[in-house]
Amino acid sequence: MSDIEEIRRRKMEQLQQQAAQQAAQQQNDAAEQERMRRELEAQKRQAMMQILTPEARSRLANLRLTKPEFVDQIELQLIQLAQMGRIKSKITDEQLKVLLKRLSGQKREMKITWK
């Protein structure tokens, strides 16, 4: 019986080691993904500093509070335009307003009439 118990103990130790290794690997992967995400955010922030004026960046930061996905899409489009060479100078706040209106689409205006 002691041989069976010894085999069980070794098997348990082996399984615990494997579980610990997998947990460590997952933790390393998560840390690597977080590092890459922070690096990507830093690159995006740097690109926005080159593309937008401070007022326009401020407007996007305020808009991000309510529509983060929309702002992410706009930033990616602006970066792509800049990479293609279609943006010659920094985008001002007024130009950004026009761009935002165009990209947000036409919202239906609702009129309520009281009778």
C-alpha atoms as a PDB file:
ATOM      1  CA  MET A   1       0.000   0.000   0.000  1.00  0.00           C
ATOM      2  CA  SER A   2       2.854   2.412   0.626  1.00  0.00           C
ATOM      3  CA  ASP A   3       3.928   2.137  -3.029  1.00  0.00           C
ATOM      4  CA  ILE A   4       0.471   3.234  -4.163  1.00  0.00           C
ATOM      5  CA  GLU A   5       0.495   6.103  -1.694  1.00  0.00           C
ATOM      6  CA  GLU A   6       3.961   7.141  -2.886  1.00  0.00           C
ATOM      7  CA  ILE A   7       2.775   7.103  -6.528  1.00  0.00           C
ATOM      8  CA  ARG A   8      -0.274   9.174  -5.584  1.00  0.00           C
ATOM      9  CA  ARG A   9       1.875  11.659  -3.677  1.00  0.00           C
ATOM     10  CA  ARG A  10       4.280  12.031  -6.644  1.00  0.00           C
ATOM     11  CA  LYS A  11       1.377  12.417  -9.061  1.00  0.00           C
ATOM     12  CA  MET A  12      -0.184  15.086  -6.798  1.00  0.00           C
ATOM     13  CA  GLU A  13       3.128  16.966  -6.601  1.00  0.00           C
ATOM     14  CA  GLN A  14       3.497  16.777 -10.367  1.00  0.00           C
ATOM     15  CA  LEU A  15      -0.040  18.118 -10.898  1.00  0.00           C
ATOM     16  CA  GLN A  16       0.559  20.931  -8.411  1.00  0.00           C
ATOM     17  CA  GLN A  17       3.781  21.886 -10.181  1.00  0.00           C
ATOM     18  CA  GLN A  18       2.009  21.903 -13.540  1.00  0.00           C
ATOM     19  CA  ALA A  19      -0.789  24.055 -12.121  1.00  0.00           C
ATOM     20  CA  ALA A  20       1.753  26.473 -10.644  1.00  0.00           C
ATOM     21  CA  GLN A  21       3.611  26.671 -13.963  1.00  0.00           C
ATOM     22  CA  GLN A  22       0.390  27.335 -15.865  1.00  0.00           C
ATOM     23  CA  ALA A  23      -0.619  30.042 -13.389  1.00  0.00           C
ATOM     24  CA  ALA A  24       2.810  31.664 -13.709  1.00  0.00           C
ATOM     25  CA  GLN A  25       2.588  31.510 -17.517  1.00  0.00           C
ATOM     26  CA  GLN A  26      -0.865  33.085 -17.491  1.00  0.00           C
ATOM     27  CA  GLN A  27       0.377  35.816 -15.184  1.00  0.00           C
ATOM     28  CA  ASN A  28       3.349  36.474 -17.486  1.00  0.00           C
ATOM     29  CA  ASP A  29       1.047  36.577 -20.513  1.00  0.00           C
ATOM     30  CA  ALA A  30      -1.286  39.022 -18.776  1.00  0.00           C
ATOM     31  CA  ALA A  31       1.624  41.236 -17.782  1.00  0.00           C
ATOM     32  CA  GLU A  32       2.958  41.178 -21.349  1.00  0.00           C
ATOM     33  CA  GLN A  33      -0.458  42.089 -22.769  1.00  0.00           C
ATOM     34  CA  GLU A  34      -0.776  44.953 -20.301  1.00  0.00           C
ATOM     35  CA  ARG A  35       2.702  46.214 -21.220  1.00  0.00           C
ATOM     36  CA  MET A  36       1.848  46.077 -24.915  1.00  0.00           C
ATOM     37  CA  ARG A  37      -1.465  47.876 -24.315  1.00  0.00           C
ATOM     38  CA  ARG A  38       0.299  50.659 -22.391  1.00  0.00           C
ATOM     39  CA  GLU A  39       2.927  50.945 -25.120  1.00  0.00           C
ATOM     40  CA  LEU A  40       0.243  51.171 -27.797  1.00  0.00           C
ATOM     41  CA  GLU A  41      -1.614  53.848 -25.789  1.00  0.00           C
ATOM     42  CA  ALA A  42       1.610  55.842 -25.432  1.00  0.00           C
ATOM     43  CA  GLN A  43       2.222  55.644 -29.186  1.00  0.00           C
ATOM     44  CA  LYS A  44      -1.361  56.707 -29.879  1.00  0.00           C
ATOM     45  CA  ARG A  45      -1.046  59.637 -27.453  1.00  0.00           C
ATOM     46  CA  GLN A  46       2.200  60.712 -29.138  1.00  0.00           C
ATOM     47  CA  ALA A  47       0.567  60.538 -32.571  1.00  0.00           C
ATOM     48  CA  MET A  48      -2.399  62.613 -31.354  1.00  0.00           C
ATOM     49  CA  MET A  49       0.013  65.256 -30.052  1.00  0.00           C
ATOM     50  CA  GLN A  50       1.473  65.534 -33.557  1.00  0.00           C
ATOM     51  CA  ILE A  51      -1.886  65.498 -35.345  1.00  0.00           C
ATOM     52  CA  LEU A  52      -4.108  67.670 -33.108  1.00  0.00           C
ATOM     53  CA  THR A  53      -3.810  71.062 -31.477  1.00  0.00           C
ATOM     54  CA  PRO A  54      -4.111  71.152 -27.660  1.00  0.00           C
ATOM     55  CA  GLU A  55      -7.692  72.428 -27.879  1.00  0.00           C
ATOM     56  CA  ALA A  56      -8.693  69.593 -30.213  1.00  0.00           C
ATOM     57  CA  ARG A  57      -7.038  67.020 -27.932  1.00  0.00           C
ATOM     58  CA  SER A  58      -8.946  68.498 -25.012  1.00  0.00           C
ATOM     59  CA  ARG A  59     -12.220  68.171 -26.920  1.00  0.00           C
ATOM     60  CA  LEU A  60     -11.499  64.513 -27.703  1.00  0.00           C
ATOM     61  CA  ALA A  61     -10.601  63.862 -24.052  1.00  0.00           C
ATOM     62  CA  ASN A  62     -13.935  65.329 -22.952  1.00  0.00           C
ATOM     63  CA  LEU A  63     -15.806  63.356 -25.582  1.00  0.00           C
ATOM     64  CA  ARG A  64     -14.039  60.163 -24.476  1.00  0.00           C
ATOM     65  CA  LEU A  65     -15.874  60.400 -21.145  1.00  0.00           C
ATOM     66  CA  THR A  66     -19.213  59.807 -22.857  1.00  0.00           C
ATOM     67  CA  LYS A  67     -18.290  57.932 -26.051  1.00  0.00           C
ATOM     68  CA  PRO A  68     -14.967  56.083 -25.638  1.00  0.00           C
ATOM     69  CA  GLU A  69     -15.490  53.709 -28.593  1.00  0.00           C
ATOM     70  CA  PHE A  70     -16.367  56.595 -30.918  1.00  0.00           C
ATOM     71  CA  VAL A  71     -13.224  58.493 -29.878  1.00  0.00           C
ATOM     72  CA  ASP A  72     -11.075  55.386 -30.398  1.00  0.00           C
ATOM     73  CA  GLN A  73     -12.426  55.051 -33.937  1.00  0.00           C
ATOM     74  CA  ILE A  74     -11.760  58.720 -34.670  1.00  0.00           C
ATOM     75  CA  GLU A  75      -8.221  58.510 -33.325  1.00  0.00           C
ATOM     76  CA  LEU A  76      -7.476  55.454 -35.456  1.00  0.00           C
ATOM     77  CA  GLN A  77      -8.869  57.177 -38.551  1.00  0.00           C
ATOM     78  CA  LEU A  78      -6.787  60.284 -37.853  1.00  0.00           C
ATOM     79  CA  ILE A  79      -3.645  58.204 -37.384  1.00  0.00           C
ATOM     80  CA  GLN A  80      -4.312  56.357 -40.642  1.00  0.00           C
ATOM     81  CA  LEU A  81      -4.839  59.639 -42.491  1.00  0.00           C
ATOM     82  CA  ALA A  82      -1.612  61.007 -41.070  1.00  0.00           C
ATOM     83  CA  GLN A  83       0.295  57.865 -42.057  1.00  0.00           C
ATOM     84  CA  MET A  84      -1.039  58.152 -45.610  1.00  0.00           C
ATOM     85  CA  GLY A  85       0.143  61.761 -45.693  1.00  0.00           C
ATOM     86  CA  ARG A  86      -3.333  63.249 -46.069  1.00  0.00           C
ATOM     87  CA  ILE A  87      -2.969  65.502 -43.009  1.00  0.00           C
ATOM     88  CA  LYS A  88      -0.587  68.337 -43.808  1.00  0.00           C
ATOM     89  CA  SER A  89      -0.912  70.436 -40.634  1.00  0.00           C
ATOM     90  CA  LYS A  90      -2.305  70.036 -37.133  1.00  0.00           C
ATOM     91  CA  ILE A  91      -6.076  69.704 -36.952  1.00  0.00           C
ATOM     92  CA  THR A  92      -7.636  72.595 -35.054  1.00  0.00           C
ATOM     93  CA  ASP A  93     -10.586  72.472 -32.715  1.00  0.00           C
ATOM     94  CA  GLU A  94     -12.881  73.924 -35.387  1.00  0.00           C
ATOM     95  CA  GLN A  95     -11.766  71.361 -37.958  1.00  0.00           C
ATOM     96  CA  LEU A  96     -12.300  68.609 -35.400  1.00  0.00           C
ATOM     97  CA  LYS A  97     -15.828  69.868 -34.691  1.00  0.00           C
ATOM     98  CA  VAL A  98     -16.667  69.622 -38.396  1.00  0.00           C
ATOM     99  CA  LEU A  99     -15.139  66.156 -38.576  1.00  0.00           C
ATOM    100  CA  LEU A 100     -17.061  64.996 -35.508  1.00  0.00           C
ATOM    101  CA  LYS A 101     -20.340  66.269 -36.920  1.00  0.00           C
ATOM    102  CA  ARG A 102     -19.710  64.445 -40.177  1.00  0.00           C
ATOM    103  CA  LEU A 103     -18.695  61.193 -38.528  1.00  0.00           C
ATOM    104  CA  SER A 104     -21.404  61.125 -35.894  1.00  0.00           C
ATOM    105  CA  GLY A 105     -24.001  61.045 -38.625  1.00  0.00           C
ATOM    106  CA  GLN A 106     -27.206  62.910 -38.924  1.00  0.00           C
ATOM    107  CA  LYS A 107     -29.338  62.451 -35.875  1.00  0.00           C
ATOM    108  CA  ARG A 108     -33.025  62.762 -36.361  1.00  0.00           C
ATOM    109  CA  GLU A 109     -34.398  65.832 -34.766  1.00  0.00           C
ATOM    110  CA  MET A 110     -37.388  65.052 -32.643  1.00  0.00           C
ATOM    111  CA  LYS A 111     -40.146  67.603 -32.371  1.00  0.00           C
ATOM    112  CA  ILE A 112     -42.757  67.306 -29.716  1.00  0.00           C
ATOM    113  CA  THR A 113     -45.889  69.329 -30.189  1.00  0.00           C
ATOM    114  CA  TRP A 114     -48.362  69.736 -27.393  1.00  0.00           C
ATOM    115  CA  LYS A 115     -52.007  69.860 -28.319  1.00  0.00           C
END
